[in-house]
Protein backbone atom coordinates (compact mmCIF):
# COMPACT_ATOMS: atom_id res chain seq x y z
CA UNK A 1 2.95 34.12 34.83
CA UNK A 2 -1.11 35.71 34.26
CA UNK A 3 -1.78 33.11 31.09
CA UNK A 4 -0.90 30.12 32.88
CA UNK A 5 -3.88 30.32 35.18
CA UNK A 6 -6.60 31.48 31.75
CA UNK A 7 -5.32 28.34 29.60
CA UNK A 8 -6.40 26.23 32.83
CA UNK A 9 -9.39 27.37 33.05
CA UNK A 10 -10.07 27.51 29.36
CA UNK A 11 -9.42 23.36 29.47
CA UNK A 12 -11.54 22.88 32.12
CA UNK A 13 -14.60 25.02 30.88
CA UNK A 14 -14.11 22.95 27.59
CA UNK A 15 -14.36 19.88 28.77
CA UNK A 16 -17.70 21.30 30.76
CA UNK A 17 -19.23 23.07 28.06
CA UNK A 18 -18.11 26.65 29.49
CA UNK A 19 -19.93 29.95 28.98
CA UNK A 20 -19.52 31.54 25.64
CA UNK A 21 -17.31 34.51 27.00
CA UNK A 22 -14.26 32.06 26.55
CA UNK A 23 -15.28 31.12 23.00
CA UNK A 24 -13.19 33.45 20.94
CA UNK A 25 -9.60 33.00 22.38
CA UNK A 26 -7.16 31.79 20.09
CA UNK A 27 -5.99 28.63 20.28
CA UNK A 28 -2.39 30.03 20.37
CA UNK A 29 -3.02 31.74 23.40
CA UNK A 30 -4.67 28.26 24.67
CA UNK A 31 -1.08 26.13 24.05
CA UNK A 32 1.12 29.17 24.91
CA UNK A 33 1.25 28.52 28.59
CA UNK A 34 1.56 24.63 28.75
CA UNK A 35 2.26 21.60 26.68
CA UNK A 36 -0.81 20.07 24.44
CA UNK A 37 -1.21 16.32 25.66
CA UNK A 38 -1.27 15.33 22.08
CA UNK A 39 2.79 14.38 20.24
CA UNK A 40 3.19 13.54 16.80
CA UNK A 41 4.37 9.57 16.56
CA UNK A 42 8.36 10.23 15.36
CA UNK A 43 9.53 7.16 13.51
CA UNK A 44 12.68 6.64 12.22
CA UNK A 45 13.38 8.96 9.21
CA UNK A 46 14.60 7.25 6.21
CA UNK A 47 17.67 8.65 4.46
CA UNK A 48 16.46 11.46 1.41
CA UNK A 49 18.46 10.59 -1.50
CA UNK A 50 16.75 11.54 -4.92
CA UNK A 51 15.42 9.18 -6.88
CA UNK A 52 13.84 6.97 -3.76
CA UNK A 53 10.82 7.40 -1.85
CA UNK A 54 9.33 5.19 0.94
CA UNK A 55 7.05 2.07 0.50
CA UNK A 56 3.38 2.58 1.41
CA UNK A 57 3.33 -0.93 3.06
CA UNK A 58 6.15 -1.60 4.79
CA UNK A 59 8.17 1.84 5.00
CA UNK A 60 11.43 0.25 2.79
CA UNK A 61 12.85 2.88 0.71
CA UNK A 62 12.16 1.96 -2.93
CA UNK A 63 14.20 2.91 -6.00
CA UNK A 64 13.26 2.78 -9.47
CA UNK A 65 13.73 -0.07 -12.32
CA UNK A 66 14.00 2.48 -15.04
CA UNK A 67 10.31 0.80 -16.23
CA UNK A 68 7.41 2.39 -14.18
CA UNK A 69 5.06 -0.28 -15.37
CA UNK A 70 7.89 -2.66 -14.05
CA UNK A 71 7.69 -0.93 -11.00
CA UNK A 72 3.75 -1.48 -10.51
CA UNK A 73 4.01 -4.71 -11.05
CA UNK A 74 6.81 -5.31 -8.11
CA UNK A 75 4.73 -2.88 -5.45
CA UNK A 76 6.10 0.03 -6.50
CA UNK A 77 9.85 -0.50 -7.09
CA UNK A 78 13.07 -2.04 -5.88
CA UNK A 79 13.86 -1.82 -2.35
CA UNK A 80 17.46 -0.80 -1.41
CA UNK A 81 19.16 -3.54 -0.54
CA UNK A 82 17.61 -6.43 -2.38
CA UNK A 83 18.58 -8.24 -5.63
CA UNK A 84 16.50 -8.84 -8.32
CA UNK A 85 17.13 -11.83 -11.16
CA UNK A 86 16.14 -11.56 -14.24
CA UNK A 87 15.82 -14.84 -16.06
CA UNK A 88 16.97 -13.92 -19.85
CA UNK A 89 15.44 -14.42 -22.69
CA UNK A 90 16.34 -16.94 -25.82
CA UNK A 91 18.54 -14.30 -27.29
CA UNK A 92 19.01 -11.45 -24.00
CA UNK A 93 17.26 -8.63 -26.17
CA UNK A 94 14.99 -7.92 -23.51
CA UNK A 95 16.63 -8.80 -20.80
CA UNK A 96 19.64 -6.78 -21.56
CA UNK A 97 17.47 -3.90 -22.27
CA UNK A 98 15.65 -3.64 -18.59
CA UNK A 99 19.07 -4.04 -17.50
CA UNK A 100 20.11 -0.54 -18.97
CA UNK A 101 16.71 0.86 -18.25
CA UNK A 102 17.82 0.19 -14.81
CA UNK A 103 21.85 2.03 -15.31
CA UNK A 104 19.83 4.65 -16.69
CA UNK A 105 17.39 5.42 -14.28
CA UNK A 106 20.95 5.45 -12.25
CA UNK A 107 22.52 8.08 -13.92
CA UNK A 108 19.66 10.75 -13.95
CA UNK A 109 19.27 10.37 -10.57
CA UNK A 110 22.95 10.90 -9.61
CA UNK A 111 23.50 7.43 -8.04
CA UNK A 112 26.95 5.72 -8.78
CA UNK A 113 26.86 2.78 -11.35
CA UNK A 114 29.03 -0.57 -11.30
CA UNK A 115 28.96 -2.55 -14.41
CA UNK A 116 30.02 -5.95 -14.57
CA UNK A 117 30.39 -8.41 -17.29
CA UNK A 118 32.00 -11.13 -19.24
CA UNK A 119 30.75 -10.54 -22.81
CA UNK A 120 30.45 -6.95 -23.28
CA UNK A 121 33.21 -4.08 -22.41
CA UNK A 122 31.28 -2.26 -19.86
CA UNK A 123 32.33 1.29 -20.93
CA UNK A 124 30.40 0.20 -24.04
CA UNK A 125 27.57 -0.96 -21.97
CA UNK A 126 27.22 2.55 -20.13
CA UNK A 127 27.91 4.61 -24.06
CA UNK A 128 24.77 2.51 -25.20
CA UNK A 129 22.44 3.51 -22.19
CA UNK A 130 19.23 5.11 -23.76
CA UNK A 131 18.21 8.63 -23.47
CA UNK A 132 16.09 10.04 -21.00
CA UNK A 133 12.50 11.59 -23.04
CA UNK A 134 12.03 15.40 -21.72
CA UNK A 135 8.44 14.79 -22.04
CA UNK A 136 8.40 12.10 -19.74
CA UNK A 137 4.46 11.22 -18.95
CA UNK A 138 2.25 9.78 -21.80
CA UNK A 139 0.03 12.70 -22.88
CA UNK A 140 -3.34 11.95 -22.36
CA UNK A 141 -4.22 10.74 -25.64
CA UNK A 142 -1.35 7.99 -25.93
CA UNK A 143 -3.49 6.59 -22.90
CA UNK A 144 -6.38 6.31 -24.92
CA UNK A 145 -4.42 5.06 -27.62
CA UNK A 146 -3.30 2.19 -25.59
CA UNK A 147 -7.28 1.57 -24.38
CA UNK A 148 -8.02 1.31 -27.85
CA UNK A 149 -5.38 -0.95 -29.16
CA UNK A 150 -6.41 -3.04 -26.22
CA UNK A 151 -9.97 -3.32 -26.93
CA UNK A 152 -11.33 -1.15 -24.03
CA UNK A 153 -13.23 1.96 -25.52
CA UNK A 154 -15.62 4.62 -24.18
CA UNK A 155 -18.19 3.82 -26.91
CA UNK A 156 -21.10 1.55 -25.82
CA UNK A 157 -21.80 0.24 -28.56
CA UNK A 158 -17.95 -0.86 -29.51
CA UNK A 159 -18.33 -2.19 -25.54
CA UNK A 160 -21.32 -4.63 -27.17
CA UNK A 161 -19.34 -5.61 -30.28
CA UNK A 162 -16.35 -6.68 -28.25
CA UNK A 163 -17.59 -8.23 -25.47
CA UNK A 164 -21.20 -8.41 -24.40
CA UNK A 165 -20.90 -10.04 -21.09
CA UNK A 166 -18.35 -8.36 -19.94
CA UNK A 167 -19.71 -4.84 -20.00
CA UNK A 168 -21.04 -4.52 -16.56
CA UNK A 169 -17.37 -5.54 -14.97
CA UNK A 170 -15.12 -2.59 -14.21
CA UNK A 171 -12.65 -2.03 -16.81
CA UNK A 172 -8.94 -2.35 -15.93
CA UNK A 173 -6.09 -0.43 -17.12
CA UNK A 174 -3.89 -1.80 -19.85
CA UNK A 175 -0.54 -0.15 -18.91
CA UNK A 176 -0.62 -0.13 -15.08
CA UNK A 177 0.70 3.02 -14.13
CA UNK A 178 1.08 4.40 -10.54
CA UNK A 179 -0.85 6.79 -9.05
CA UNK A 180 2.43 9.12 -7.99
CA UNK A 181 5.36 9.67 -10.79
CA UNK A 182 8.40 7.54 -10.17
CA UNK A 183 10.96 6.51 -12.84
CA UNK A 184 11.56 8.06 -15.99
CA UNK A 185 11.00 7.67 -19.98
CA UNK A 186 13.62 6.86 -21.76
CA UNK A 187 14.30 6.44 -25.74
CA UNK A 188 15.81 3.30 -26.76
CA UNK A 189 16.32 5.14 -30.51
CA UNK A 190 18.86 7.73 -29.22
CA UNK A 191 21.74 6.66 -26.53
CA UNK A 192 22.56 8.88 -23.39
CA UNK A 193 24.32 12.43 -24.03
CA UNK A 194 27.79 12.48 -23.19
CA UNK A 195 27.57 15.38 -21.05
CA UNK A 196 25.25 13.23 -19.07
CA UNK A 197 27.50 10.11 -18.69
CA UNK A 198 30.21 12.58 -17.32
CA UNK A 199 28.72 13.55 -14.77
CA UNK A 200 28.22 10.17 -13.19
CA UNK A 201 30.82 8.39 -11.45
CA UNK A 202 30.78 4.69 -12.34
CA UNK A 203 32.86 1.74 -11.63
CA UNK A 204 32.69 -1.50 -13.94
CA UNK A 205 34.45 -5.40 -13.73
CA UNK A 206 35.34 -6.98 -17.11
CA UNK A 207 36.75 -10.45 -16.16
CA UNK A 208 38.54 -10.92 -19.72
CA UNK A 209 40.80 -8.33 -18.67
CA UNK A 210 41.19 -9.35 -15.40
CA UNK A 211 44.40 -11.07 -14.48
CA UNK A 212 45.01 -13.28 -11.31
CA UNK A 213 48.17 -14.48 -9.47
CA UNK A 214 48.82 -17.54 -7.57
CA UNK A 215 47.47 -16.00 -4.31
CA UNK A 216 43.91 -15.25 -5.89
CA UNK A 217 43.99 -18.49 -6.92
CA UNK A 218 44.61 -20.25 -3.62
CA UNK A 219 41.82 -17.91 -1.89
CA UNK A 220 39.36 -18.92 -4.34
CA UNK A 221 40.43 -22.86 -3.88
CA UNK A 222 39.99 -22.06 -0.12
CA UNK A 223 36.54 -20.50 -0.80
CA UNK A 224 35.00 -23.39 -2.87
CA UNK A 225 34.10 -20.49 -5.52
CA UNK A 226 35.71 -19.93 -9.04
CA UNK A 227 38.52 -16.79 -9.70
CA UNK A 228 35.50 -14.96 -11.59
CA UNK A 229 32.62 -14.83 -8.80
CA UNK A 230 35.79 -14.25 -6.07
CA UNK A 231 37.10 -11.61 -7.84
CA UNK A 232 34.17 -10.05 -8.91
CA UNK A 233 32.83 -10.31 -5.19
CA UNK A 234 36.03 -9.16 -3.96
CA UNK A 235 35.40 -5.80 -6.40
CA UNK A 236 31.62 -4.91 -4.88
CA UNK A 237 32.70 -5.11 -1.70
CA UNK A 238 35.48 -2.54 -2.10
CA UNK A 239 33.62 -0.26 -3.73
CA UNK A 240 30.84 -0.39 -0.77
CA UNK A 241 33.45 -0.15 1.32
CA UNK A 242 35.33 2.56 -0.39
CA UNK A 243 32.17 5.31 -0.94
CA UNK A 244 30.94 4.41 2.45
CA UNK A 245 27.57 2.65 1.46
CA UNK A 246 27.81 0.10 4.17
CA UNK A 247 28.16 2.82 7.04
CA UNK A 248 31.95 1.77 7.67
CA UNK A 249 33.00 5.24 6.33
CA UNK A 250 30.25 7.54 6.73
CA UNK A 251 29.71 9.72 3.37
CA UNK A 252 30.68 13.14 3.90
CA UNK A 253 28.67 14.53 0.80
CA UNK A 254 25.17 13.64 0.75
CA UNK A 255 24.15 9.87 0.74
CA UNK A 256 23.42 8.25 -2.44
CA UNK A 257 22.56 5.30 -3.79
CA UNK A 258 24.71 2.74 -5.86
CA UNK A 259 23.38 0.72 -8.67
CA UNK A 260 25.09 -2.85 -8.97
CA UNK A 261 24.46 -4.05 -12.61
CA UNK A 262 25.53 -7.69 -13.62
CA UNK A 263 25.05 -8.92 -17.75
CA UNK A 264 24.90 -12.67 -17.89
CA UNK A 265 25.77 -14.20 -14.85
CA UNK A 266 26.82 -18.02 -14.98
CA UNK A 267 27.55 -18.32 -18.26
CA UNK A 268 30.08 -20.09 -20.08
CA UNK A 269 31.98 -16.75 -20.33
CA UNK A 270 32.39 -16.46 -16.56
CA UNK A 271 33.85 -19.88 -16.07
CA UNK A 272 31.33 -21.50 -14.86
CA UNK A 273 30.02 -24.84 -16.52
CA UNK A 274 26.26 -25.19 -14.86
CA UNK A 275 25.24 -24.01 -18.27
CA UNK A 276 27.03 -26.75 -20.12
CA UNK A 277 27.47 -29.97 -18.26
CA UNK A 278 24.42 -31.41 -16.20
CA UNK A 279 26.62 -32.06 -13.50
CA UNK A 280 29.06 -29.65 -13.10
CA UNK A 281 32.65 -29.37 -11.31
CA UNK A 282 31.49 -26.26 -9.23
CA UNK A 283 28.09 -27.09 -7.94
CA UNK A 284 27.99 -24.54 -5.09
CA UNK A 285 29.62 -21.83 -7.21
CA UNK A 286 27.13 -19.41 -8.07
CA UNK A 287 25.42 -20.18 -4.93
CA UNK A 288 28.26 -19.31 -2.86
CA UNK A 289 28.89 -15.93 -4.57
CA UNK A 290 25.01 -14.79 -4.16
CA UNK A 291 24.59 -16.02 -0.70
CA UNK A 292 27.85 -13.29 0.03
CA UNK A 293 26.35 -10.71 -2.37
CA UNK A 294 22.77 -10.75 -0.48
CA UNK A 295 24.59 -10.60 2.52
CA UNK A 296 26.66 -7.25 1.22
CA UNK A 297 23.16 -5.52 -0.28
CA UNK A 298 21.64 -6.11 3.28
CA UNK A 299 23.94 -4.09 5.12
CA UNK A 300 24.46 -1.45 2.32
CA UNK A 301 22.66 1.69 0.22
CA UNK A 302 22.79 -0.82 -2.91
CA UNK A 303 20.72 -2.61 -5.03
CA UNK A 304 21.62 -4.75 -7.42
CA UNK A 305 19.77 -6.45 -10.92
CA UNK A 306 21.07 -10.04 -12.59
CA UNK A 307 20.69 -10.99 -15.79
CA UNK A 308 21.08 -15.23 -15.75
CA UNK A 309 20.45 -17.05 -18.56
CA UNK A 310 18.26 -19.51 -17.10
CA UNK A 311 17.19 -21.33 -20.09
CA UNK A 312 20.75 -22.74 -20.87
CA UNK A 313 21.55 -24.19 -17.23
CA UNK A 314 21.17 -27.87 -17.47
CA UNK A 315 20.90 -28.55 -13.79
CA UNK A 316 17.15 -27.33 -12.47
CA UNK A 317 17.94 -27.89 -8.81
CA UNK A 318 21.13 -24.87 -8.97
CA UNK A 319 18.37 -22.39 -10.94
CA UNK A 320 16.20 -23.24 -8.04
CA UNK A 321 18.67 -22.28 -5.47
CA UNK A 322 19.59 -19.17 -7.48
CA UNK A 323 15.80 -18.29 -7.20
CA UNK A 324 15.80 -18.84 -3.50
CA UNK A 325 18.56 -16.70 -2.83
CA UNK A 326 17.25 -13.83 -4.75
CA UNK A 327 14.94 -11.40 -3.68
CA UNK A 328 12.72 -10.62 -6.43
CA UNK A 329 12.82 -13.04 -9.25
CA UNK A 330 11.04 -12.05 -12.64
CA UNK A 331 11.48 -13.93 -15.99
CA UNK A 332 11.29 -13.01 -19.72
CA UNK A 333 9.79 -15.11 -22.71
CA UNK A 334 10.25 -13.47 -25.98
CA UNK A 335 8.59 -14.55 -29.18
CA UNK A 336 11.07 -13.96 -31.52
CA UNK A 337 11.59 -17.77 -33.08
CA UNK A 338 8.87 -19.49 -31.58
CA UNK A 339 5.02 -20.50 -32.94
CA UNK A 340 3.81 -17.58 -30.70
CA UNK A 341 5.83 -15.04 -33.26
CA UNK A 342 2.69 -16.00 -36.04
CA UNK A 343 -0.23 -16.97 -32.92
CA UNK A 344 -2.95 -14.05 -33.89
CA UNK A 345 -3.17 -14.40 -29.55
CA UNK A 346 0.07 -12.19 -29.72
CA UNK A 347 0.19 -10.09 -32.55
CA UNK A 348 0.34 -6.68 -30.62
CA UNK A 349 2.82 -7.94 -27.79
CA UNK A 350 6.58 -9.22 -28.43
CA UNK A 351 6.56 -11.51 -25.37
CA UNK A 352 5.35 -12.47 -21.75
CA UNK A 353 6.94 -11.56 -18.45
CA UNK A 354 6.90 -14.36 -15.64
CA UNK A 355 6.75 -13.20 -11.89
CA UNK A 356 7.89 -15.94 -10.39
CA UNK A 357 8.64 -14.14 -6.50
CA UNK A 358 7.90 -10.76 -5.01
CA UNK A 359 10.17 -10.24 -1.48
CA UNK A 360 8.29 -10.37 1.28
CA UNK A 361 10.72 -7.75 3.10
CA UNK A 362 11.28 -8.77 7.06
CA UNK A 363 10.34 -12.15 6.70
CA UNK A 364 11.88 -15.57 5.91
CA UNK A 365 9.71 -16.39 3.45
CA UNK A 366 9.07 -14.75 -0.21
CA UNK A 367 5.78 -14.03 -1.93
CA UNK A 368 4.55 -15.09 -5.41
CA UNK A 369 2.40 -13.06 -7.44
CA UNK A 370 -1.18 -13.82 -7.90
CA UNK A 371 -0.74 -11.82 -11.51
CA UNK A 372 -0.13 -14.52 -14.31
CA UNK A 373 -1.10 -12.85 -17.50
CA UNK A 374 1.36 -10.21 -17.84
CA UNK A 375 2.87 -9.66 -21.67
CA UNK A 376 5.42 -6.42 -22.79
CA UNK A 377 5.57 -4.57 -25.36
CA UNK A 378 8.44 -2.28 -26.97
CA UNK A 379 7.62 0.74 -28.62
CA UNK A 380 10.63 3.58 -29.61
CA UNK A 381 9.61 5.14 -26.57
CA UNK A 382 8.14 2.68 -24.07
CA UNK A 383 8.73 -0.52 -22.88
CA UNK A 384 5.73 -0.94 -21.41
CA UNK A 385 4.36 -4.22 -19.08
CA UNK A 386 0.29 -4.74 -19.58
CA UNK A 387 -2.18 -7.36 -19.11
CA UNK A 388 -2.97 -9.63 -21.76
CA UNK A 389 -5.85 -9.89 -22.94
CA UNK A 390 -7.94 -12.31 -25.74
CA UNK A 391 -8.83 -10.68 -28.46
CA UNK A 392 -12.64 -11.26 -29.54
CA UNK A 393 -14.30 -14.09 -31.36
CA UNK A 394 -16.05 -12.75 -33.85
CA UNK A 395 -18.20 -15.33 -36.09
CA UNK A 396 -17.89 -13.54 -39.09
CA UNK A 397 -14.95 -12.26 -39.35
CA UNK A 398 -12.78 -14.85 -37.70
CA UNK A 399 -12.11 -18.07 -39.92
CA UNK A 400 -12.36 -21.67 -38.04
CA UNK A 401 -8.15 -22.26 -38.21
CA UNK A 402 -8.07 -19.28 -36.34
CA UNK A 403 -10.70 -20.06 -33.90
CA UNK A 404 -8.87 -23.04 -33.30
CA UNK A 405 -5.22 -21.24 -33.06
CA UNK A 406 -6.73 -19.14 -30.24
CA UNK A 407 -8.41 -22.02 -28.04
CA UNK A 408 -5.31 -23.86 -28.28
CA UNK A 409 -3.46 -20.63 -26.81
CA UNK A 410 -6.36 -19.62 -24.50
CA UNK A 411 -5.16 -22.80 -22.42
CA UNK A 412 -2.02 -21.26 -21.08
CA UNK A 413 -3.97 -18.31 -19.91
CA UNK A 414 -7.22 -20.07 -18.48
CA UNK A 415 -5.73 -18.63 -14.99
CA UNK A 416 -5.95 -15.13 -15.89
CA UNK A 417 -7.87 -14.37 -19.00
CA UNK A 418 -11.08 -16.21 -18.35
CA UNK A 419 -12.86 -19.07 -19.41
CA UNK A 420 -10.68 -20.85 -22.23
CA UNK A 421 -12.58 -23.76 -24.47
CA UNK A 422 -11.42 -27.05 -24.12
CA UNK A 423 -10.39 -29.39 -27.24
CA UNK A 424 -11.54 -27.88 -30.68
CA UNK A 425 -13.98 -25.40 -29.49
CA UNK A 426 -13.60 -21.82 -29.83
CA UNK A 427 -13.61 -19.46 -26.94
CA UNK A 428 -17.12 -18.90 -25.64
CA UNK A 429 -17.12 -14.84 -25.15
């Protein structure tokens, strides 16, 4: 106990700027006899799960969508226990691809997979997932080429030639990248290896192969939900409960994440008539399903991504309720088969991304994104979401007809891409 008076004297001497004879004492000796008054604030620990990270904004556990640029747009990723609604493009080309990215990210990270579809066998969807890249992060040369194709170069003369009025403004990265690495990159020209699929634990729900009995029909009518939605909800609830993702059966192994992917929910193949009639018979069937599903997600370590053919739903009030029952809502507008496919404004892109809703967690309201000028492009090894930039108006090289086309298209992007000229006038760069 001889060290205790000495440490007490040291603390008293430090407050009074004591003599230099005590300055050489080690701090370990000073803290050996008593506890310090500074204590580390202990917060609730999040489970350490592979492929997840806590949000820097609210501490919520996040996972990647499989598209790093989409994670950046959504604030870092998808929160565990939330629902992402993807409004499909006209031919469902890119929406199905985003769903496969989400599922492939789960396979790479060892997450449990649940696939539900009414048009395609889930086993075929699982085999068709894109293969992860070995050199995942883009090289610096690739980023430089991305900047050059988007109109951002380091040459001052080129800057003057493109847009002289913007040379003093801060440059914007065309390809949004998060500061820390999160998620993987995939090659859509190759499928995931069978060895990796064998290690993945997956569940499937294929509606055409599901048979109903009389008891199921009575339960569907009692809950005012179509039989396909009822059986799907029952299957998801059983997987969550048996896997211990809801905490009812604590997982003996290390905690894991359940990724749920549902393809083209609400289409005619699901037995719903909201896409074929403005006044469907089961008006609230889809919304009741989403309400119950959202309750399951909130109380479990699971995340769901659903694609919905929003452009086919006749009653817009139903689509509004579907959006309100989702946490995150993004829409895809493909240029395939539209006049924008030949428009010079969109020549470097394959479609537009509309962020309709971003979740404001632990709140009753949702947050609307202020970014209105997002576009996506698809390459062999990259699905990139970028800010849509207007091309330069060079009077010596651009024809009058091209100027009129650019001016008409720029009206759609006046909020995010600068001042758009009115009438027949060309853009004022």
